[in-house]
PDB file of N, CA and C in Angstrom:
ATOM      1  N   MET A   1     173.804 116.188 134.084  1.00  0.00           N
ATOM      2  CA  MET A   1     174.187 116.513 132.719  1.00  0.00           C
ATOM      3  C   MET A   1     174.528 115.247 131.939  1.00  0.00           C
ATOM      4  N   LYS A   2     175.298 114.358 132.529  1.00  0.00           N
ATOM      5  CA  LYS A   2     175.678 113.118 131.860  1.00  0.00           C
ATOM      6  C   LYS A   2     174.439 112.275 131.553  1.00  0.00           C
ATOM      7  N   THR A   3     173.501 112.203 132.495  1.00  0.00           N
ATOM      8  CA  THR A   3     172.271 111.441 132.302  1.00  0.00           C
ATOM      9  C   THR A   3     171.456 112.024 131.157  1.00  0.00           C
ATOM     10  N   ASP A   4     171.415 113.349 131.033  1.00  0.00           N
ATOM     11  CA  ASP A   4     170.687 113.989 129.934  1.00  0.00           C
ATOM     12  C   ASP A   4     171.253 113.570 128.579  1.00  0.00           C
ATOM     13  N   LYS A   5     172.574 113.489 128.488  1.00  0.00           N
ATOM     14  CA  LYS A   5     173.213 113.077 127.235  1.00  0.00           C
ATOM     15  C   LYS A   5     172.889 111.614 126.919  1.00  0.00           C
ATOM     16  N   ILE A   6     172.873 110.780 127.942  1.00  0.00           N
ATOM     17  CA  ILE A   6     172.551 109.360 127.749  1.00  0.00           C
ATOM     18  C   ILE A   6     171.100 109.223 127.286  1.00  0.00           C
ATOM     19  N   ILE A   7     170.191 109.969 127.901  1.00  0.00           N
ATOM     20  CA  ILE A   7     168.783 109.905 127.515  1.00  0.00           C
ATOM     21  C   ILE A   7     168.606 110.396 126.080  1.00  0.00           C
ATOM     22  N   LEU A   8     169.286 111.482 125.706  1.00  0.00           N
ATOM     23  CA  LEU A   8     169.217 111.981 124.335  1.00  0.00           C
ATOM     24  C   LEU A   8     169.735 110.941 123.358  1.00  0.00           C
ATOM     25  N   ALA A   9     170.842 110.301 123.670  1.00  0.00           N
ATOM     26  CA  ALA A   9     171.397 109.260 122.794  1.00  0.00           C
ATOM     27  C   ALA A   9     170.424 108.099 122.654  1.00  0.00           C
ATOM     28  N   ALA A  10     169.790 107.722 123.755  1.00  0.00           N
ATOM     29  CA  ALA A  10     168.810 106.631 123.714  1.00  0.00           C
ATOM     30  C   ALA A  10     167.617 107.016 122.851  1.00  0.00           C
ATOM     31  N   ALA A  11     167.163 108.253 122.967  1.00  0.00           N
ATOM     32  CA  ALA A  11     166.027 108.713 122.167  1.00  0.00           C
ATOM     33  C   ALA A  11     166.368 108.696 120.682  1.00  0.00           C
ATOM     34  N   VAL A  12     167.564 109.158 120.334  1.00  0.00           N
ATOM     35  CA  VAL A  12     167.994 109.137 118.930  1.00  0.00           C
ATOM     36  C   VAL A  12     168.076 107.694 118.424  1.00  0.00           C
ATOM     37  N   ALA A  13     168.625 106.804 119.224  1.00  0.00           N
ATOM     38  CA  ALA A  13     168.710 105.398 118.829  1.00  0.00           C
ATOM     39  C   ALA A  13     167.327 104.807 118.651  1.00  0.00           C
ATOM     40  N   ALA A  14     166.409 105.142 119.544  1.00  0.00           N
ATOM     41  CA  ALA A  14     165.045 104.619 119.441  1.00  0.00           C
ATOM     42  C   ALA A  14     164.373 105.124 118.182  1.00  0.00           C
ATOM     43  N   MET A  15     164.545 106.408 117.851  1.00  0.00           N
ATOM     44  CA  MET A  15     163.938 106.949 116.632  1.00  0.00           C
ATOM     45  C   MET A  15     164.536 106.296 115.396  1.00  0.00           C
ATOM     46  N   THR A  16     165.830 106.084 115.399  1.00  0.00           N
ATOM     47  CA  THR A  16     166.489 105.426 114.271  1.00  0.00           C
ATOM     48  C   THR A  16     165.961 104.015 114.103  1.00  0.00           C
ATOM     49  N   PHE A  17     165.862 103.282 115.207  1.00  0.00           N
ATOM     50  CA  PHE A  17     165.375 101.908 115.162  1.00  0.00           C
ATOM     51  C   PHE A  17     163.929 101.864 114.695  1.00  0.00           C
ATOM     52  N   THR A  18     163.071 102.751 115.224  1.00  0.00           N
ATOM     53  CA  THR A  18     161.664 102.779 114.829  1.00  0.00           C
ATOM     54  C   THR A  18     161.535 103.111 113.356  1.00  0.00           C
ATOM     55  N   GLY A  19     162.304 104.061 112.858  1.00  0.00           N
ATOM     56  CA  GLY A  19     162.251 104.419 111.442  1.00  0.00           C
ATOM     57  C   GLY A  19     162.667 103.270 110.552  1.00  0.00           C
ATOM     58  N   SER A  20     163.647 102.491 110.977  1.00  0.00           N
ATOM     59  CA  SER A  20     164.102 101.381 110.147  1.00  0.00           C
ATOM     60  C   SER A  20     163.087 100.252 110.122  1.00  0.00           C
ATOM     61  N   ILE A  21     162.311 100.074 111.200  1.00  0.00           N
ATOM     62  CA  ILE A  21     161.303  99.024 111.213  1.00  0.00           C
ATOM     63  C   ILE A  21     160.210  99.318 110.202  1.00  0.00           C
ATOM     64  N   SER A  22     159.731 100.571 110.151  1.00  0.00           N
ATOM     65  CA  SER A  22     158.631 100.894 109.253  1.00  0.00           C
ATOM     66  C   SER A  22     159.025 100.736 107.797  1.00  0.00           C
ATOM     67  N   SER A  23     160.290 100.975 107.450  1.00  0.00           N
ATOM     68  CA  SER A  23     160.701 100.869 106.066  1.00  0.00           C
ATOM     69  C   SER A  23     160.841  99.421 105.604  1.00  0.00           C
ATOM     70  N   VAL A  24     160.912  98.485 106.530  1.00  0.00           N
ATOM     71  CA  VAL A  24     161.068  97.079 106.168  1.00  0.00           C
ATOM     72  C   VAL A  24     159.836  96.563 105.434  1.00  0.00           C
ATOM     73  N   PHE A  25     158.667  97.107 105.732  1.00  0.00           N
ATOM     74  CA  PHE A  25     157.434  96.551 105.223  1.00  0.00           C
ATOM     75  C   PHE A  25     157.199  96.810 103.745  1.00  0.00           C
ATOM     76  N   ALA A  26     157.703  97.880 103.168  1.00  0.00           N
ATOM     77  CA  ALA A  26     157.516  98.126 101.743  1.00  0.00           C
ATOM     78  C   ALA A  26     158.493  97.250 100.958  1.00  0.00           C
ATOM     79  N   ALA A  27     157.940  96.456 100.037  1.00  0.00           N
ATOM     80  CA  ALA A  27     158.784  95.544  99.264  1.00  0.00           C
ATOM     81  C   ALA A  27     158.237  95.418  97.850  1.00  0.00           C
ATOM     82  N   GLU A  28     159.141  95.291  96.903  1.00  0.00           N
ATOM     83  CA  GLU A  28     158.728  95.057  95.533  1.00  0.00           C
ATOM     84  C   GLU A  28     158.397  93.578  95.365  1.00  0.00           C
ATOM     85  N   GLY A  29     157.342  93.300  94.653  1.00  0.00           N
ATOM     86  CA  GLY A  29     156.939  91.913  94.450  1.00  0.00           C
ATOM     87  C   GLY A  29     156.152  91.771  93.169  1.00  0.00           C
ATOM     88  N   TYR A  30     155.479  90.635  93.034  1.00  0.00           N
ATOM     89  CA  TYR A  30     154.667  90.376  91.849  1.00  0.00           C
ATOM     90  C   TYR A  30     153.563  89.384  92.205  1.00  0.00           C
ATOM     91  N   ALA A  31     152.545  89.374  91.339  1.00  0.00           N
ATOM     92  CA  ALA A  31     151.439  88.433  91.515  1.00  0.00           C
ATOM     93  C   ALA A  31     151.835  87.106  90.875  1.00  0.00           C
ATOM     94  N   ARG A  32     151.724  86.006  91.634  1.00  0.00           N
ATOM     95  CA  ARG A  32     152.077  84.684  91.102  1.00  0.00           C
ATOM     96  C   ARG A  32     151.025  84.162  90.139  1.00  0.00           C
ATOM     97  N   SER A  33     149.806  84.648  90.248  1.00  0.00           N
ATOM     98  CA  SER A  33     148.718  84.260  89.354  1.00  0.00           C
ATOM     99  C   SER A  33     147.680  85.375  89.386  1.00  0.00           C
ATOM    100  N   PRO A  34     146.697  85.350  88.480  1.00  0.00           N
ATOM    101  CA  PRO A  34     145.658  86.379  88.520  1.00  0.00           C
ATOM    102  C   PRO A  34     144.945  86.376  89.881  1.00  0.00           C
ATOM    103  N   VAL A  35     144.669  87.574  90.388  1.00  0.00           N
ATOM    104  CA  VAL A  35     144.030  87.690  91.711  1.00  0.00           C
ATOM    105  C   VAL A  35     143.282  89.019  91.798  1.00  0.00           C
ATOM    106  N   ASN A  36     142.207  89.019  92.561  1.00  0.00           N
ATOM    107  CA  ASN A  36     141.436  90.242  92.777  1.00  0.00           C
ATOM    108  C   ASN A  36     142.136  91.163  93.765  1.00  0.00           C
ATOM    109  N   VAL A  37     142.004  92.458  93.520  1.00  0.00           N
ATOM    110  CA  VAL A  37     142.438  93.488  94.455  1.00  0.00           C
ATOM    111  C   VAL A  37     141.162  93.972  95.138  1.00  0.00           C
ATOM    112  N   ARG A  38     141.157  94.014  96.457  1.00  0.00           N
ATOM    113  CA  ARG A  38     139.944  94.335  97.206  1.00  0.00           C
ATOM    114  C   ARG A  38     140.109  95.604  98.034  1.00  0.00           C
ATOM    115  N   SER A  39     138.983  96.190  98.413  1.00  0.00           N
ATOM    116  CA  SER A  39     138.999  97.438  99.179  1.00  0.00           C
ATOM    117  C   SER A  39     139.411  97.237 100.639  1.00  0.00           C
ATOM    118  N   GLY A  40     139.419  96.016 101.115  1.00  0.00           N
ATOM    119  CA  GLY A  40     139.813  95.709 102.481  1.00  0.00           C
ATOM    120  C   GLY A  40     140.436  94.329 102.556  1.00  0.00           C
ATOM    121  N   PRO A  41     140.978  93.957 103.720  1.00  0.00           N
ATOM    122  CA  PRO A  41     141.686  92.679 103.865  1.00  0.00           C
ATOM    123  C   PRO A  41     140.744  91.484 104.089  1.00  0.00           C
ATOM    124  N   GLY A  42     140.070  91.074 103.028  1.00  0.00           N
ATOM    125  CA  GLY A  42     139.189  89.908 103.114  1.00  0.00           C
ATOM    126  C   GLY A  42     138.298  89.802 101.895  1.00  0.00           C
ATOM    127  N   THR A  43     137.759  88.621 101.662  1.00  0.00           N
ATOM    128  CA  THR A  43     136.903  88.406 100.490  1.00  0.00           C
ATOM    129  C   THR A  43     135.549  89.094 100.613  1.00  0.00           C
ATOM    130  N   ARG A  44     135.172  89.514 101.808  1.00  0.00           N
ATOM    131  CA  ARG A  44     133.889  90.200 101.981  1.00  0.00           C
ATOM    132  C   ARG A  44     133.935  91.644 101.485  1.00  0.00           C
ATOM    133  N   TYR A  45     135.141  92.149 101.224  1.00  0.00           N
ATOM    134  CA  TYR A  45     135.296  93.512 100.711  1.00  0.00           C
ATOM    135  C   TYR A  45     135.143  93.531  99.188  1.00  0.00           C
ATOM    136  N   ALA A  46     134.738  94.682  98.683  1.00  0.00           N
ATOM    137  CA  ALA A  46     134.482  94.836  97.241  1.00  0.00           C
ATOM    138  C   ALA A  46     135.761  94.676  96.414  1.00  0.00           C
ATOM    139  N   ARG A  47     135.593  94.123  95.223  1.00  0.00           N
ATOM    140  CA  ARG A  47     136.693  94.017  94.257  1.00  0.00           C
ATOM    141  C   ARG A  47     136.878  95.387  93.615  1.00  0.00           C
ATOM    142  N   VAL A  48     138.103  95.921  93.667  1.00  0.00           N
ATOM    143  CA  VAL A  48     138.372  97.229  93.066  1.00  0.00           C
ATOM    144  C   VAL A  48     139.226  97.116  91.812  1.00  0.00           C
ATOM    145  N   ASP A  49     139.876  95.968  91.628  1.00  0.00           N
ATOM    146  CA  ASP A  49     140.739  95.763  90.466  1.00  0.00           C
ATOM    147  C   ASP A  49     141.168  94.305  90.459  1.00  0.00           C
ATOM    148  N   ALA A  50     142.020  93.963  89.519  1.00  0.00           N
ATOM    149  CA  ALA A  50     142.597  92.613  89.463  1.00  0.00           C
ATOM    150  C   ALA A  50     144.039  92.729  89.006  1.00  0.00           C
ATOM    151  N   LEU A  51     144.863  91.809  89.486  1.00  0.00           N
ATOM    152  CA  LEU A  51     146.249  91.720  89.036  1.00  0.00           C
ATOM    153  C   LEU A  51     146.352  90.578  88.042  1.00  0.00           C
ATOM    154  N   TYR A  52     147.188  90.739  87.051  1.00  0.00           N
ATOM    155  CA  TYR A  52     147.463  89.636  86.142  1.00  0.00           C
ATOM    156  C   TYR A  52     148.728  88.916  86.602  1.00  0.00           C
ATOM    157  N   ARG A  53     148.941  87.727  86.111  1.00  0.00           N
ATOM    158  CA  ARG A  53     150.111  86.932  86.493  1.00  0.00           C
ATOM    159  C   ARG A  53     151.387  87.703  86.170  1.00  0.00           C
ATOM    160  N   ASN A  54     152.318  87.729  87.117  1.00  0.00           N
ATOM    161  CA  ASN A  54     153.622  88.401  87.014  1.00  0.00           C
ATOM    162  C   ASN A  54     153.542  89.927  87.030  1.00  0.00           C
ATOM    163  N   GLU A  55     152.386  90.496  87.356  1.00  0.00           N
ATOM    164  CA  GLU A  55     152.286  91.957  87.451  1.00  0.00           C
ATOM    165  C   GLU A  55     153.077  92.433  88.669  1.00  0.00           C
ATOM    166  N   ASN A  56     153.870  93.483  88.457  1.00  0.00           N
ATOM    167  CA  ASN A  56     154.678  94.053  89.543  1.00  0.00           C
ATOM    168  C   ASN A  56     153.820  94.880  90.481  1.00  0.00           C
ATOM    169  N   VAL A  57     154.106  94.758  91.760  1.00  0.00           N
ATOM    170  CA  VAL A  57     153.402  95.509  92.801  1.00  0.00           C
ATOM    171  C   VAL A  57     154.406  95.955  93.850  1.00  0.00           C
ATOM    172  N   THR A  58     154.000  96.925  94.638  1.00  0.00           N
ATOM    173  CA  THR A  58     154.740  97.297  95.837  1.00  0.00           C
ATOM    174  C   THR A  58     153.886  96.867  97.014  1.00  0.00           C
ATOM    175  N   ILE A  59     154.425  95.993  97.833  1.00  0.00           N
ATOM    176  CA  ILE A  59     153.716  95.494  99.006  1.00  0.00           C
ATOM    177  C   ILE A  59     154.011  96.466 100.147  1.00  0.00           C
ATOM    178  N   ILE A  60     152.980  97.179 100.586  1.00  0.00           N
ATOM    179  CA  ILE A  60     153.141  98.219 101.597  1.00  0.00           C
ATOM    180  C   ILE A  60     153.105  97.652 103.006  1.00  0.00           C
ATOM    181  N   GLU A  61     152.124  96.796 103.279  1.00  0.00           N
ATOM    182  CA  GLU A  61     152.002  96.181 104.604  1.00  0.00           C
ATOM    183  C   GLU A  61     151.181  94.913 104.488  1.00  0.00           C
ATOM    184  N   CYS A  62     151.318  94.043 105.457  1.00  0.00           N
ATOM    185  CA  CYS A  62     150.529  92.821 105.507  1.00  0.00           C
ATOM    186  C   CYS A  62     149.879  92.701 106.880  1.00  0.00           C
ATOM    187  N   ARG A  63     148.635  92.238 106.871  1.00  0.00           N
ATOM    188  CA  ARG A  63     147.885  91.952 108.100  1.00  0.00           C
ATOM    189  C   ARG A  63     147.350  90.544 107.971  1.00  0.00           C
ATOM    190  N   GLY A  64     147.881  89.665 108.773  1.00  0.00           N
ATOM    191  CA  GLY A  64     147.462  88.272 108.646  1.00  0.00           C
ATOM    192  C   GLY A  64     147.851  87.750 107.281  1.00  0.00           C
ATOM    193  N   SER A  65     146.881  87.232 106.549  1.00  0.00           N
ATOM    194  CA  SER A  65     147.171  86.663 105.230  1.00  0.00           C
ATOM    195  C   SER A  65     146.803  87.615 104.095  1.00  0.00           C
ATOM    196  N   TRP A  66     146.655  88.912 104.394  1.00  0.00           N
ATOM    197  CA  TRP A  66     146.315  89.904 103.375  1.00  0.00           C
ATOM    198  C   TRP A  66     147.359  91.011 103.356  1.00  0.00           C
ATOM    199  N   CYS A  67     147.693  91.478 102.137  1.00  0.00           N
ATOM    200  CA  CYS A  67     148.678  92.537 101.985  1.00  0.00           C
ATOM    201  C   CYS A  67     148.099  93.702 101.203  1.00  0.00           C
ATOM    202  N   TYR A  68     148.420  94.916 101.654  1.00  0.00           N
ATOM    203  CA  TYR A  68     148.015  96.123 100.933  1.00  0.00           C
ATOM    204  C   TYR A  68     149.085  96.396  99.887  1.00  0.00           C
ATOM    205  N   ILE A  69     148.648  96.543  98.630  1.00  0.00           N
ATOM    206  CA  ILE A  69     149.602  96.728  97.534  1.00  0.00           C
ATOM    207  C   ILE A  69     149.314  98.024  96.780  1.00  0.00           C
ATOM    208  N   GLN A  70     150.362  98.520  96.123  1.00  0.00           N
ATOM    209  CA  GLN A  70     150.240  99.617  95.174  1.00  0.00           C
ATOM    210  C   GLN A  70     150.702  99.087  93.824  1.00  0.00           C
ATOM    211  N   HIS A  71     150.027  99.516  92.760  1.00  0.00           N
ATOM    212  CA  HIS A  71     150.402  99.103  91.408  1.00  0.00           C
ATOM    213  C   HIS A  71     149.810 100.090  90.423  1.00  0.00           C
ATOM    214  N   ASN A  72     149.985  99.826  89.136  1.00  0.00           N
ATOM    215  CA  ASN A  72     149.405 100.675  88.095  1.00  0.00           C
ATOM    216  C   ASN A  72     147.915 100.386  88.006  1.00  0.00           C
ATOM    217  N   GLY A  73     147.161 100.984  88.857  1.00  0.00           N
ATOM    218  CA  GLY A  73     145.724 100.769  88.953  1.00  0.00           C
ATOM    219  C   GLY A  73     145.311 101.077  90.371  1.00  0.00           C
ATOM    220  N   PRO A  74     144.063 100.862  90.695  1.00  0.00           N
ATOM    221  CA  PRO A  74     143.631 101.127  92.071  1.00  0.00           C
ATOM    222  C   PRO A  74     144.400 100.252  93.069  1.00  0.00           C
ATOM    223  N   ASP A  75     144.887 100.877  94.121  1.00  0.00           N
ATOM    224  CA  ASP A  75     145.581 100.157  95.182  1.00  0.00           C
ATOM    225  C   ASP A  75     144.562  99.444  96.052  1.00  0.00           C
ATOM    226  N   GLY A  76     145.003  98.401  96.725  1.00  0.00           N
ATOM    227  CA  GLY A  76     144.087  97.688  97.594  1.00  0.00           C
ATOM    228  C   GLY A  76     144.739  96.479  98.222  1.00  0.00           C
ATOM    229  N   TRP A  77     143.893  95.574  98.693  1.00  0.00           N
ATOM    230  CA  TRP A  77     144.312  94.397  99.447  1.00  0.00           C
ATOM    231  C   TRP A  77     144.266  93.152  98.584  1.00  0.00           C
ATOM    232  N   VAL A  78     145.300  92.311  98.730  1.00  0.00           N
ATOM    233  CA  VAL A  78     145.428  91.068  97.963  1.00  0.00           C
ATOM    234  C   VAL A  78     145.813  89.956  98.933  1.00  0.00           C
ATOM    235  N   SER A  79     145.278  88.777  98.716  1.00  0.00           N
ATOM    236  CA  SER A  79     145.674  87.631  99.526  1.00  0.00           C
ATOM    237  C   SER A  79     147.166  87.383  99.348  1.00  0.00           C
ATOM    238  N   ALA A  80     147.879  87.238 100.466  1.00  0.00           N
ATOM    239  CA  ALA A  80     149.322  86.997 100.421  1.00  0.00           C
ATOM    240  C   ALA A  80     149.657  85.688  99.709  1.00  0.00           C
ATOM    241  N   ASN A  81     148.709  84.779  99.624  1.00  0.00           N
ATOM    242  CA  ASN A  81     148.944  83.503  98.944  1.00  0.00           C
ATOM    243  C   ASN A  81     149.250  83.681  97.463  1.00  0.00           C
ATOM    244  N   TYR A  82     148.895  84.835  96.903  1.00  0.00           N
ATOM    245  CA  TYR A  82     149.090  85.082  95.475  1.00  0.00           C
ATOM    246  C   TYR A  82     150.254  86.017  95.193  1.00  0.00           C
ATOM    247  N   LEU A  83     151.008  86.396  96.223  1.00  0.00           N
ATOM    248  CA  LEU A  83     152.107  87.343  96.055  1.00  0.00           C
ATOM    249  C   LEU A  83     153.452  86.704  96.368  1.00  0.00           C
ATOM    250  N   SER A  84     154.480  87.185  95.678  1.00  0.00           N
ATOM    251  CA  SER A  84     155.858  86.804  95.975  1.00  0.00           C
ATOM    252  C   SER A  84     156.720  88.047  95.918  1.00  0.00           C
ATOM    253  N   ALA A  85     157.742  88.093  96.769  1.00  0.00           N
ATOM    254  CA  ALA A  85     158.704  89.192  96.742  1.00  0.00           C
ATOM    255  C   ALA A  85     159.768  88.876  95.701  1.00  0.00           C
ATOM    256  N   ASN A  86     160.270  89.908  95.045  1.00  0.00           N
ATOM    257  CA  ASN A  86     161.366  89.719  94.095  1.00  0.00           C
ATOM    258  C   ASN A  86     162.596  89.227  94.834  1.00  0.00           C
ATOM    259  N   GLN A  87     163.435  88.403  94.195  1.00  0.00           N
ATOM    260  CA  GLN A  87     164.623  87.844  94.837  1.00  0.00           C
ATOM    261  C   GLN A  87     165.552  88.923  95.366  1.00  0.00           C
ATOM    262  N   ALA A  88     165.789  89.988  94.593  1.00  0.00           N
ATOM    263  CA  ALA A  88     166.673  91.062  95.028  1.00  0.00           C
ATOM    264  C   ALA A  88     166.109  91.730  96.274  1.00  0.00           C
ATOM    265  N   VAL A  89     164.790  91.856  96.326  1.00  0.00           N
ATOM    266  CA  VAL A  89     164.144  92.467  97.482  1.00  0.00           C
ATOM    267  C   VAL A  89     164.343  91.591  98.706  1.00  0.00           C
ATOM    268  N   GLN A  90     164.199  90.278  98.546  1.00  0.00           N
ATOM    269  CA  GLN A  90     164.375  89.392  99.681  1.00  0.00           C
ATOM    270  C   GLN A  90     165.778  89.519 100.247  1.00  0.00           C
ATOM    271  N   SER A  91     166.779  89.663  99.372  1.00  0.00           N
ATOM    272  CA  SER A  91     168.148  89.829  99.829  1.00  0.00           C
ATOM    273  C   SER A  91     168.305  91.150 100.583  1.00  0.00           C
ATOM    274  N   ARG A  92     167.719  92.231 100.054  1.00  0.00           N
ATOM    275  CA  ARG A  92     167.785  93.524 100.733  1.00  0.00           C
ATOM    276  C   ARG A  92     167.061  93.472 102.065  1.00  0.00           C
ATOM    277  N   ARG A  93     165.925  92.748 102.118  1.00  0.00           N
ATOM    278  CA  ARG A  93     165.178  92.650 103.373  1.00  0.00           C
ATOM    279  C   ARG A  93     165.992  91.898 104.417  1.00  0.00           C
ATOM    280  N   THR A  94     166.756  90.882 103.999  1.00  0.00           N
ATOM    281  CA  THR A  94     167.618  90.167 104.942  1.00  0.00           C
ATOM    282  C   THR A  94     168.685  91.106 105.478  1.00  0.00           C
ATOM    283  N   ASN A  95     169.293  91.898 104.588  1.00  0.00           N
ATOM    284  CA  ASN A  95     170.299  92.863 105.025  1.00  0.00           C
ATOM    285  C   ASN A  95     169.682  93.898 105.955  1.00  0.00           C
ATOM    286  N   LYS A  96     168.472  94.357 105.630  1.00  0.00           N
ATOM    287  CA  LYS A  96     167.783  95.332 106.458  1.00  0.00           C
ATOM    288  C   LYS A  96     167.483  94.739 107.834  1.00  0.00           C
ATOM    289  N   HIS A  97     167.072  93.470 107.856  1.00  0.00           N
ATOM    290  CA  HIS A  97     166.812  92.804 109.126  1.00  0.00           C
ATOM    291  C   HIS A  97     168.078  92.793 109.978  1.00  0.00           C
ATOM    292  N   ASN A  98     169.214  92.488 109.354  1.00  0.00           N
ATOM    293  CA  ASN A  98     170.480  92.467 110.090  1.00  0.00           C
ATOM    294  C   ASN A  98     170.803  93.851 110.654  1.00  0.00           C
ATOM    295  N   GLN A  99     170.503  94.913 109.888  1.00  0.00           N
ATOM    296  CA  GLN A  99     170.715  96.272 110.376  1.00  0.00           C
ATOM    297  C   GLN A  99     169.796  96.571 111.555  1.00  0.00           C
ATOM    298  N   ASP A 100     168.546  96.096 111.472  1.00  0.00           N
ATOM    299  CA  ASP A 100     167.595  96.313 112.563  1.00  0.00           C
ATOM    300  C   ASP A 100     168.052  95.604 113.832  1.00  0.00           C
ATOM    301  N   VAL A 101     168.592  94.413 113.686  1.00  0.00           N
ATOM    302  CA  VAL A 101     169.098  93.677 114.846  1.00  0.00           C
ATOM    303  C   VAL A 101     170.258  94.444 115.472  1.00  0.00           C
ATOM    304  N   ALA A 102     171.137  94.992 114.638  1.00  0.00           N
ATOM    305  CA  ALA A 102     172.264  95.775 115.158  1.00  0.00           C
ATOM    306  C   ALA A 102     171.760  97.025 115.872  1.00  0.00           C
ATOM    307  N   ALA A 103     170.750  97.693 115.295  1.00  0.00           N
ATOM    308  CA  ALA A 103     170.184  98.888 115.935  1.00  0.00           C
ATOM    309  C   ALA A 103     169.558  98.528 117.281  1.00  0.00           C
ATOM    310  N   ALA A 104     168.874  97.387 117.326  1.00  0.00           N
ATOM    311  CA  ALA A 104     168.267  96.944 118.590  1.00  0.00           C
ATOM    312  C   ALA A 104     169.347  96.671 119.637  1.00  0.00           C
ATOM    313  N   ALA A 105     170.453  96.094 119.219  1.00  0.00           N
ATOM    314  CA  ALA A 105     171.548  95.814 120.154  1.00  0.00           C
ATOM    315  C   ALA A 105     172.135  97.114 120.695  1.00  0.00           C
ATOM    316  N   ILE A 106     172.317  98.097 119.824  1.00  0.00           N
ATOM    317  CA  ILE A 106     172.847  99.392 120.255  1.00  0.00           C
ATOM    318  C   ILE A 106     171.883 100.043 121.241  1.00  0.00           C
ATOM    319  N   PHE A 107     170.596 100.003 120.899  1.00  0.00           N
ATOM    320  CA  PHE A 107     169.582 100.568 121.785  1.00  0.00           C
ATOM    321  C   PHE A 107     169.607  99.868 123.145  1.00  0.00           C
ATOM    322  N   GLY A 108     169.755  98.557 123.131  1.00  0.00           N
ATOM    323  CA  GLY A 108     169.815  97.804 124.383  1.00  0.00           C
ATOM    324  C   GLY A 108     170.992  98.213 125.243  1.00  0.00           C
ATOM    325  N   VAL A 109     172.132  98.443 124.601  1.00  0.00           N
ATOM    326  CA  VAL A 109     173.320  98.874 125.350  1.00  0.00           C
ATOM    327  C   VAL A 109     173.076 100.247 125.972  1.00  0.00           C
ATOM    328  N   ILE A 110     172.482 101.153 125.199  1.00  0.00           N
ATOM    329  CA  ILE A 110     172.216 102.498 125.713  1.00  0.00           C
ATOM    330  C   ILE A 110     171.196 102.439 126.856  1.00  0.00           C
ATOM    331  N   ALA A 111     170.125 101.671 126.647  1.00  0.00           N
ATOM    332  CA  ALA A 111     169.113 101.546 127.699  1.00  0.00           C
ATOM    333  C   ALA A 111     169.721 100.908 128.960  1.00  0.00           C
ATOM    334  N   GLY A 112     170.574  99.931 128.775  1.00  0.00           N
ATOM    335  CA  GLY A 112     171.244  99.299 129.913  1.00  0.00           C
ATOM    336  C   GLY A 112     172.116 100.301 130.659  1.00  0.00           C
ATOM    337  N   ALA A 113     172.778 101.169 129.922  1.00  0.00           N
ATOM    338  CA  ALA A 113     173.625 102.185 130.562  1.00  0.00           C
ATOM    339  C   ALA A 113     172.776 103.150 131.379  1.00  0.00           C
ATOM    340  N   ILE A 114     171.616 103.486 130.854  1.00  0.00           N
ATOM    341  CA  ILE A 114     170.713 104.390 131.589  1.00  0.00           C
ATOM    342  C   ILE A 114     170.263 103.734 132.890  1.00  0.00           C
ATOM    343  N   ILE A 115     169.852 102.479 132.789  1.00  0.00           N
ATOM    344  CA  ILE A 115     169.386 101.766 133.975  1.00  0.00           C
ATOM    345  C   ILE A 115     170.507 101.607 134.987  1.00  0.00           C
ATOM    346  N   ALA A 116     171.704 101.288 134.512  1.00  0.00           N
ATOM    347  CA  ALA A 116     172.845 101.085 135.411  1.00  0.00           C
ATOM    348  C   ALA A 116     173.279 102.383 136.087  1.00  0.00           C
ATOM    349  N   SER A 117     173.035 103.520 135.423  1.00  0.00           N
ATOM    350  CA  SER A 117     173.474 104.789 136.000  1.00  0.00           C
ATOM    351  C   SER A 117     172.570 105.292 137.109  1.00  0.00           C
ATOM    352  N   HIS A 118     171.418 104.640 137.272  1.00  0.00           N
ATOM    353  CA  HIS A 118     170.476 105.091 138.334  1.00  0.00           C
ATOM    354  C   HIS A 118     170.617 104.306 139.582  1.00  0.00           C
TER     355      HIS A 118
END
């Protein structure tokens, strides 16, 4: 019975930690200069739109040097070299990172307790 409670607590901690990781990737930002928005992460993909300098975007995810963005227009991929995160967002992302580290530490303690109990 005690082991079941420990496993349940570990599962809840793992779900909490996993959920917090996925939310870290969405960030408000802007285009530092005019840039093409593409259908995929690379210049070989078709141009679907363009961003103007200082246009606000939501950066959903990044793969290598390309980021998938949402904005007022067709969403798509933009070279990360042309994007910057808003200062307030960077501060929130640092705080979020600190929360993720704390969640990982809690998960580690729970996982350690499970291992030690066997």
